[in-house]
Amino acid sequence: MESFRAAIACGADMIETDVHLTRDGMPVLLHDHDLARTGVGRSASAGRICDLTAAEAAQLNVGTAAQPMQIPTLEELLRENRADRMRLLSAVDVLVDGPFRSHERSLDLLYRGSKNQRLIDMPATLKGGTIRLYAPPEW
C-alpha cells in the first residue's frame, strides 16, 4: 500500500501490482510469490505466500525493522475507497491473480497463462465491494 501511496503522490496515472492467493484463497498484493526476497522475512526458508493462510500472512513484516509493513490484501485496497485509488482501479477490466506456473500452462486459457490463475472482474468487484470472479464469454 505504501508503494501505491507514493505513486499517487507523485502523480502516477498507472500502477502495476501482482496479486497472489494465500492458502485459504485471500488475494494479496505482493510482488514475489516467494517470501525469501521480501522484507525482514528474507531467508532461504521463508516459503511461498500460497503456503500461508491470510492470518499467517498478516503477521509477516515485509518492510524493514525500522519501518514495518504488512502484506496488503486486495480487499483492504478496495475498502480504502479513496478517489485516487478508485480512479486507477476503475481503469482495470480484468485482474489476473496468482503466479504463472509453467507446468500448468495452457494456450486455451483466456487472459491468463496457467490453470492456477484466477480472473477477477474489477468493475463487478468495485461495484459489489467483494471479490467477483470474471466469467469469460462463451464463444
Protein backbone atom coordinates (compact mmCIF):
# COMPACT_ATOMS: atom_id res chain seq x y z
CA MET A 1 0.00 0.00 0.00
CA GLU A 2 2.92 2.32 0.65
CA SER A 3 4.04 1.97 -2.95
CA PHE A 4 0.52 2.89 -4.13
CA ARG A 5 0.52 5.95 -1.88
CA ALA A 6 3.94 7.01 -3.15
CA ALA A 7 2.96 6.51 -6.82
CA ILE A 8 -0.23 8.51 -6.40
CA ALA A 9 1.60 11.27 -4.52
CA CYS A 10 3.99 11.52 -7.48
CA GLY A 11 1.05 11.87 -9.88
CA ALA A 12 1.16 8.40 -11.44
CA ASP A 13 -1.67 7.65 -13.83
CA MET A 14 -0.92 3.92 -13.79
CA ILE A 15 0.33 1.35 -11.27
CA GLU A 16 1.30 -2.31 -11.56
CA THR A 17 0.88 -4.88 -8.86
CA ASP A 18 0.96 -8.63 -8.58
CA VAL A 19 -1.86 -10.49 -6.88
CA HIS A 20 -1.23 -13.85 -5.24
CA LEU A 21 -3.55 -16.15 -3.34
CA THR A 22 -2.91 -17.33 0.19
CA ARG A 23 -3.57 -20.98 1.02
CA ASP A 24 -7.13 -20.10 2.04
CA GLY A 25 -7.81 -18.08 -1.12
CA MET A 26 -7.28 -14.47 0.00
CA PRO A 27 -5.90 -12.26 -2.82
CA VAL A 28 -2.88 -10.34 -1.50
CA LEU A 29 -0.80 -7.64 -3.18
CA LEU A 30 2.80 -8.77 -3.22
CA HIS A 31 5.47 -8.66 -5.91
CA ASP A 32 7.06 -12.03 -5.22
CA HIS A 33 5.23 -15.28 -4.61
CA ASP A 34 8.38 -16.42 -2.81
CA LEU A 35 8.86 -14.65 0.52
CA ALA A 36 12.65 -15.16 0.52
CA ARG A 37 13.17 -11.75 -1.15
CA THR A 38 10.57 -9.90 0.89
CA GLY A 39 11.31 -7.58 3.80
CA VAL A 40 12.57 -8.85 7.15
CA GLY A 41 11.47 -12.38 6.18
CA ARG A 42 14.46 -12.70 3.85
CA SER A 43 15.85 -16.19 4.21
CA ALA A 44 16.12 -19.30 2.11
CA SER A 45 13.41 -20.95 4.21
CA ALA A 46 10.89 -18.10 4.12
CA GLY A 47 8.49 -20.07 1.90
CA ARG A 48 5.76 -19.07 -0.52
CA ILE A 49 2.71 -16.88 0.06
CA CYS A 50 0.45 -19.67 -1.26
CA ASP A 51 1.58 -21.90 1.62
CA LEU A 52 0.33 -19.44 4.26
CA THR A 53 -3.19 -18.59 5.37
CA ALA A 54 -4.32 -14.96 5.22
CA ALA A 55 -3.97 -14.77 9.03
CA GLU A 56 -0.40 -16.09 8.86
CA ALA A 57 0.49 -13.69 6.03
CA ALA A 58 -0.90 -10.76 8.05
CA GLN A 59 1.66 -11.49 10.77
CA LEU A 60 4.63 -11.04 8.43
CA ASN A 61 6.68 -7.88 8.23
CA VAL A 62 7.50 -7.17 4.59
CA GLY A 63 9.02 -3.80 5.36
CA THR A 64 12.09 -3.27 7.48
CA ALA A 65 12.70 -3.45 11.21
CA ALA A 66 12.64 0.36 11.31
CA GLN A 67 9.61 0.69 9.02
CA PRO A 68 7.43 -2.43 9.34
CA MET A 69 4.68 -3.14 6.79
CA GLN A 70 2.09 -5.86 6.42
CA ILE A 71 1.13 -7.57 3.18
CA PRO A 72 -2.00 -5.76 1.97
CA THR A 73 -4.97 -7.66 0.64
CA LEU A 74 -6.90 -6.64 -2.45
CA GLU A 75 -9.96 -6.21 -0.23
CA GLU A 76 -8.07 -3.75 2.02
CA LEU A 77 -7.17 -1.70 -1.03
CA LEU A 78 -10.83 -1.67 -2.13
CA ARG A 79 -12.07 -0.77 1.37
CA GLU A 80 -9.94 2.37 1.46
CA ASN A 81 -12.24 3.69 -1.27
CA ARG A 82 -10.07 6.72 -1.90
CA ALA A 83 -10.89 8.60 -5.09
CA ASP A 84 -7.29 8.47 -6.37
CA ARG A 85 -7.05 4.69 -5.96
CA MET A 86 -10.54 4.07 -7.27
CA ARG A 87 -9.66 6.12 -10.38
CA LEU A 88 -6.72 3.82 -11.06
CA LEU A 89 -8.63 0.62 -10.26
CA SER A 90 -11.60 1.67 -12.38
CA ALA A 91 -9.34 1.50 -15.44
CA VAL A 92 -8.85 -2.25 -14.88
CA ASP A 93 -11.32 -4.62 -16.52
CA VAL A 94 -9.85 -7.99 -15.59
CA LEU A 95 -7.16 -8.65 -13.00
CA VAL A 96 -5.17 -11.90 -13.13
CA ASP A 97 -4.20 -13.21 -9.72
CA GLY A 98 -1.76 -15.97 -8.91
CA PRO A 99 1.73 -16.71 -10.20
CA PHE A 100 2.31 -18.14 -13.66
CA ARG A 101 3.24 -21.81 -13.34
CA SER A 102 4.81 -23.29 -16.44
CA HIS A 103 3.72 -26.84 -15.57
CA GLU A 104 0.06 -25.61 -15.62
CA ARG A 105 0.50 -23.58 -18.81
CA SER A 106 -2.28 -23.71 -21.39
CA LEU A 107 -2.78 -21.77 -24.59
CA ASP A 108 -6.52 -22.43 -24.31
CA LEU A 109 -6.93 -20.08 -21.32
CA LEU A 110 -8.40 -16.63 -21.87
CA TYR A 111 -6.36 -13.73 -20.36
CA ARG A 112 -4.18 -15.98 -18.21
CA GLY A 113 -1.24 -18.25 -18.78
CA SER A 114 -1.69 -21.11 -16.33
CA LYS A 115 -4.65 -23.00 -14.88
CA ASN A 116 -3.96 -21.96 -11.27
CA GLN A 117 -4.59 -18.28 -12.06
CA ARG A 118 -7.98 -16.70 -11.43
CA LEU A 119 -9.57 -13.78 -13.23
CA ILE A 120 -11.09 -11.03 -11.09
CA ASP A 121 -13.85 -8.93 -12.66
CA MET A 122 -12.78 -5.49 -11.42
CA PRO A 123 -15.93 -3.50 -12.39
CA ALA A 124 -18.14 -6.05 -10.54
CA THR A 125 -15.68 -6.19 -7.62
CA LEU A 126 -15.65 -2.40 -7.26
CA LYS A 127 -19.44 -2.22 -7.51
CA GLY A 128 -20.10 -5.06 -5.05
CA GLY A 129 -17.26 -4.35 -2.62
CA THR A 130 -16.11 -8.00 -2.59
CA ILE A 131 -14.02 -10.08 -4.96
CA ARG A 132 -16.03 -11.21 -8.00
CA LEU A 133 -14.60 -13.64 -10.49
CA TYR A 134 -14.69 -12.85 -14.20
CA ALA A 135 -16.85 -15.10 -16.34
CA PRO A 136 -15.28 -15.25 -19.80
CA PRO A 137 -17.71 -15.07 -22.72
CA GLU A 138 -18.66 -18.36 -24.31
CA TRP A 139 -17.62 -18.43 -27.95
